Amino acid sequence: MPELHQFRHSGFCEKVRLILAAKGLDFTVVEVTPGLGQIELFRLSGQKQVPVLVDGGEVIADSTAIALHLERTVPEPPLLPAGDPERARERAAVLLLEDWADTALASGVRLALLRAAVADPALRTALLPDSTPGPLRSLVGAIPGDLLAGVGQVVGRSQDQQLVASLEQLAVLVADEGHVVGQKLSLADLAVAAQLSLLKFPESAGAPLAGLGVSGLADSPLLAPLFAWRDRLYHQLGQS
């Protein structure tokens, strides 16, 4: 059975969890403790970043490398189009949008979530690892937002506008097609949905995170169709 080494609240680890669900694979999870746990991860994989998948005798790092490994070893259902030249064009579009989700979208989402956590003590403490001692959790939640305001300014106005514009375009795209690319579920859908999970946490995030998110995005009427699409995808994969 595959073993996923992860941070629970990582968009890239969520992407791998969605891929495993789409492939119908059971898997076990090893929650990596920041710091000490990453030393163990380095011994296993040669690097300290998650996700890392141990599948039989193979150790695969990086969400895209894991996706390609699973596409090769578990070809059904396919998440990358293959076949005639038209499907090759579709495959290229899937990989291009997956890369965009993993880079530009992920960067904007990460910074927006950081600023939201600065402003919201409940979100800030909910994002802490489950192993965080109670006293430290309380201390983090009690830090006045004003003291963290400098961190919250990391996201500039232009980056805010770019993220919102991208999300609004995505909402239009999935409303028309049902999928980011083509007519079937693909790796692009899963990469985008994984990043959306950090803007408005789905039910699968569990208490106390489910329903929390980035104010102004998670509750935006213009983006409601996008999160509804994400929730349908999660339901389809049995993640709701």
Protein backbone atom coordinates (compact mmCIF):
# COMPACT_ATOMS: atom_id res chain seq x y z
CA MET A 1 0.00 0.00 0.00
CA PRO A 2 1.43 3.44 -0.90
CA GLU A 3 2.63 5.58 2.00
CA LEU A 4 2.31 9.36 1.74
CA HIS A 5 4.63 11.53 3.80
CA GLN A 6 2.90 14.88 4.10
CA PHE A 7 2.00 18.11 5.82
CA ARG A 8 -1.75 18.02 6.31
CA HIS A 9 -2.31 21.63 5.25
CA SER A 10 -0.17 21.63 2.11
CA GLY A 11 -1.80 22.25 -1.25
CA PHE A 12 0.73 19.94 -2.91
CA CYS A 13 0.01 17.13 -0.46
CA GLU A 14 -3.71 17.69 -1.00
CA LYS A 15 -3.08 17.37 -4.73
CA VAL A 16 -1.48 13.95 -4.20
CA ARG A 17 -4.31 12.85 -1.91
CA LEU A 18 -6.79 13.78 -4.65
CA ILE A 19 -4.76 11.90 -7.27
CA LEU A 20 -4.69 8.79 -5.07
CA ALA A 21 -8.45 9.10 -4.55
CA ALA A 22 -9.04 9.52 -8.29
CA LYS A 23 -7.02 6.36 -8.92
CA GLY A 24 -9.06 4.50 -6.29
CA LEU A 25 -5.96 3.69 -4.24
CA ASP A 26 -5.89 3.07 -0.51
CA PHE A 27 -2.87 4.61 1.17
CA THR A 28 -1.43 5.33 4.57
CA VAL A 29 -0.33 8.75 5.78
CA VAL A 30 2.78 9.73 7.69
CA GLU A 31 2.38 13.24 9.07
CA VAL A 32 5.81 14.88 8.97
CA THR A 33 6.68 16.98 12.01
CA PRO A 34 8.26 20.27 10.85
CA GLY A 35 11.92 20.31 11.76
CA LEU A 36 12.78 16.95 13.31
CA GLY A 37 10.48 15.00 11.04
CA GLN A 38 12.06 16.59 7.99
CA ILE A 39 15.42 15.18 9.01
CA GLU A 40 13.89 11.70 8.87
CA LEU A 41 12.32 12.59 5.54
CA PHE A 42 15.75 13.60 4.20
CA ARG A 43 17.15 10.22 5.20
CA LEU A 44 14.32 8.57 3.30
CA SER A 45 14.16 10.66 0.16
CA GLY A 46 17.27 12.83 -0.02
CA GLN A 47 15.33 16.08 0.47
CA LYS A 48 13.18 17.72 3.15
CA GLN A 49 10.13 18.80 1.19
CA VAL A 50 6.76 17.10 1.10
CA PRO A 51 4.97 15.32 -0.45
CA VAL A 52 6.96 12.10 -0.70
CA LEU A 53 5.31 8.86 -1.77
CA VAL A 54 6.76 5.47 -0.91
CA ASP A 55 5.29 2.97 -3.35
CA GLY A 56 6.78 -0.49 -3.04
CA GLY A 57 10.50 -0.07 -3.50
CA GLU A 58 10.21 3.41 -5.02
CA VAL A 59 10.49 6.71 -3.16
CA ILE A 60 9.08 9.60 -5.20
CA ALA A 61 9.29 13.26 -4.21
CA ASP A 62 7.35 16.20 -5.72
CA SER A 63 3.64 16.17 -6.49
CA THR A 64 4.07 16.22 -10.27
CA ALA A 65 6.62 13.39 -10.21
CA ILE A 66 4.22 11.42 -8.01
CA ALA A 67 1.37 12.12 -10.45
CA LEU A 68 3.41 10.86 -13.41
CA HIS A 69 4.52 7.78 -11.45
CA LEU A 70 0.92 6.90 -10.60
CA GLU A 71 -0.23 7.58 -14.15
CA ARG A 72 2.36 5.06 -15.32
CA THR A 73 1.75 2.39 -12.66
CA VAL A 74 -2.04 2.81 -12.33
CA PRO A 75 -3.17 3.91 -15.80
CA GLU A 76 -6.91 3.70 -15.07
CA PRO A 77 -8.63 6.02 -14.85
CA PRO A 78 -6.29 8.22 -16.88
CA LEU A 79 -5.62 11.74 -15.62
CA LEU A 80 -3.50 12.70 -18.63
CA PRO A 81 -4.98 12.47 -22.15
CA ALA A 82 -3.13 10.19 -24.54
CA GLY A 83 -3.63 9.03 -28.10
CA ASP A 84 -4.24 10.99 -31.29
CA PRO A 85 -2.75 14.45 -32.04
CA GLU A 86 -5.83 16.23 -30.67
CA ARG A 87 -5.41 14.41 -27.37
CA ALA A 88 -1.74 15.35 -27.40
CA ARG A 89 -2.77 19.01 -27.52
CA GLU A 90 -5.13 18.38 -24.63
CA ARG A 91 -2.38 16.65 -22.67
CA ALA A 92 -0.11 19.65 -23.19
CA ALA A 93 -2.88 21.97 -21.93
CA VAL A 94 -3.40 19.79 -18.84
CA LEU A 95 0.31 19.83 -17.99
CA LEU A 96 0.55 23.57 -18.63
CA LEU A 97 -2.39 24.36 -16.33
CA GLU A 98 -1.10 21.94 -13.70
CA ASP A 99 2.21 23.82 -13.71
CA TRP A 100 0.37 27.16 -13.46
CA ALA A 101 -1.64 25.87 -10.49
CA ASP A 102 1.54 24.64 -8.80
CA THR A 103 3.42 27.92 -9.31
CA ALA A 104 1.53 31.17 -9.89
CA LEU A 105 -1.75 30.07 -8.32
CA ALA A 106 -0.03 28.35 -5.39
CA SER A 107 2.08 31.43 -4.68
CA GLY A 108 -0.95 33.73 -4.60
CA VAL A 109 -2.95 31.31 -2.48
CA ARG A 110 -0.13 30.82 0.01
CA LEU A 111 0.33 34.54 0.56
CA ALA A 112 -3.42 35.19 0.79
CA LEU A 113 -3.76 32.43 3.39
CA LEU A 114 -0.82 33.86 5.34
CA ARG A 115 -2.47 37.25 5.57
CA ALA A 116 -5.81 35.70 6.52
CA ALA A 117 -4.14 33.71 9.30
CA VAL A 118 -2.50 36.88 10.62
CA ALA A 119 -5.88 38.58 10.88
CA ASP A 120 -7.88 35.60 12.19
CA PRO A 121 -6.70 33.89 15.42
CA ALA A 122 -9.10 30.96 14.90
CA LEU A 123 -7.68 30.24 11.45
CA ARG A 124 -4.13 30.77 12.70
CA THR A 125 -4.43 28.17 15.45
CA ALA A 126 -6.40 25.73 13.29
CA LEU A 127 -3.51 25.64 10.82
CA LEU A 128 -1.01 24.54 13.46
CA PRO A 129 0.12 20.89 13.34
CA ASP A 130 -2.06 18.56 15.40
CA SER A 131 0.98 17.77 17.56
CA THR A 132 1.31 21.41 18.71
CA PRO A 133 1.12 21.51 22.54
CA GLY A 134 -1.98 23.19 23.97
CA PRO A 135 -0.11 26.03 25.72
CA LEU A 136 1.76 26.94 22.51
CA ARG A 137 -1.47 26.78 20.51
CA SER A 138 -3.10 29.18 22.97
CA LEU A 139 -0.10 31.50 22.83
CA VAL A 140 -0.15 31.64 19.04
CA GLY A 141 -3.87 32.40 19.05
CA ALA A 142 -3.45 35.14 21.63
CA ILE A 143 -0.82 37.12 19.70
CA PRO A 144 -2.43 40.45 18.77
CA GLY A 145 -2.93 40.80 15.04
CA ASP A 146 -1.29 44.23 15.15
CA LEU A 147 2.01 42.61 16.09
CA LEU A 148 1.83 40.44 12.98
CA ALA A 149 0.60 43.18 10.67
CA GLY A 150 3.96 43.45 8.93
CA VAL A 151 3.73 39.80 7.92
CA GLY A 152 0.23 40.40 6.61
CA GLN A 153 1.48 43.07 4.23
CA VAL A 154 3.52 40.52 2.29
CA VAL A 155 0.76 40.34 -0.27
CA GLY A 156 0.74 43.48 -2.40
CA ARG A 157 -2.32 45.02 -3.99
CA SER A 158 -1.26 43.96 -7.48
CA GLN A 159 -0.86 40.34 -6.33
CA ASP A 160 -4.31 40.48 -4.73
CA GLN A 161 -5.83 41.71 -7.96
CA GLN A 162 -4.02 39.11 -10.04
CA LEU A 163 -5.21 36.27 -7.79
CA VAL A 164 -8.82 37.49 -7.84
CA ALA A 165 -8.75 37.91 -11.63
CA SER A 166 -7.36 34.39 -12.08
CA LEU A 167 -9.99 32.89 -9.79
CA GLU A 168 -12.79 34.70 -11.57
CA GLN A 169 -11.55 33.38 -14.91
CA LEU A 170 -11.40 29.87 -13.48
CA ALA A 171 -15.00 30.22 -12.28
CA VAL A 172 -16.07 31.06 -15.83
CA LEU A 173 -13.99 28.22 -17.28
CA VAL A 174 -15.40 25.44 -15.10
CA ALA A 175 -18.94 26.80 -15.37
CA ASP A 176 -18.81 26.40 -19.15
CA GLU A 177 -16.92 23.13 -19.43
CA GLY A 178 -17.24 21.36 -16.09
CA HIS A 179 -13.51 20.69 -16.20
CA VAL A 180 -10.46 22.91 -16.50
CA VAL A 181 -9.43 21.14 -19.69
CA GLY A 182 -11.60 18.96 -21.91
CA GLN A 183 -14.58 16.87 -20.88
CA LYS A 184 -13.02 14.49 -18.36
CA LEU A 185 -11.38 14.75 -14.97
CA SER A 186 -7.67 15.47 -15.37
CA LEU A 187 -4.57 16.33 -13.41
CA ALA A 188 -5.28 20.03 -14.09
CA ASP A 189 -8.60 19.79 -12.22
CA LEU A 190 -6.94 18.16 -9.22
CA ALA A 191 -4.06 20.65 -9.09
CA VAL A 192 -6.46 23.61 -9.18
CA ALA A 193 -8.88 22.07 -6.65
CA ALA A 194 -6.01 21.36 -4.25
CA GLN A 195 -5.01 25.03 -4.18
CA LEU A 196 -8.65 26.12 -3.75
CA SER A 197 -8.77 23.95 -0.64
CA LEU A 198 -6.53 26.52 1.09
CA LEU A 199 -8.75 29.48 0.22
CA LYS A 200 -11.91 27.85 1.57
CA PHE A 201 -11.34 24.65 3.49
CA PRO A 202 -13.62 21.79 2.39
CA GLU A 203 -15.53 19.48 4.71
CA SER A 204 -12.78 16.90 4.34
CA ALA A 205 -10.42 19.27 6.21
CA GLY A 206 -12.35 18.39 9.37
CA ALA A 207 -12.86 20.44 12.49
CA PRO A 208 -11.94 23.14 13.21
CA LEU A 209 -10.87 24.14 9.68
CA ALA A 210 -13.89 23.10 7.58
CA GLY A 211 -15.64 26.20 6.26
CA LEU A 212 -12.88 28.60 7.28
CA GLY A 213 -10.95 30.46 4.62
CA VAL A 214 -9.65 33.70 3.24
CA SER A 215 -12.15 36.49 3.83
CA GLY A 216 -13.09 38.27 0.61
CA LEU A 217 -12.40 35.15 -1.45
CA ALA A 218 -14.07 32.29 0.38
CA ASP A 219 -17.24 34.37 0.75
CA SER A 220 -17.16 36.14 -2.63
CA PRO A 221 -20.41 35.70 -4.62
CA LEU A 222 -18.41 35.83 -7.85
CA LEU A 223 -16.31 32.87 -6.73
CA ALA A 224 -19.19 30.82 -5.30
CA PRO A 225 -19.50 28.78 -8.56
CA LEU A 226 -15.78 27.95 -8.39
CA PHE A 227 -15.98 26.60 -4.84
CA ALA A 228 -19.21 24.77 -5.75
CA TRP A 229 -17.29 23.11 -8.61
CA ARG A 230 -14.51 22.19 -6.17
CA ASP A 231 -17.04 20.67 -3.78
CA ARG A 232 -18.64 18.62 -6.57
CA LEU A 233 -15.23 17.30 -7.54
CA TYR A 234 -14.51 16.33 -3.93
CA HIS A 235 -17.88 14.59 -3.70
CA GLN A 236 -17.13 12.71 -6.92
CA LEU A 237 -13.86 11.49 -5.39
CA GLY A 238 -15.47 10.58 -2.07
CA GLN A 239 -13.64 13.38 -0.24
CA SER A 240 -16.67 15.31 1.05
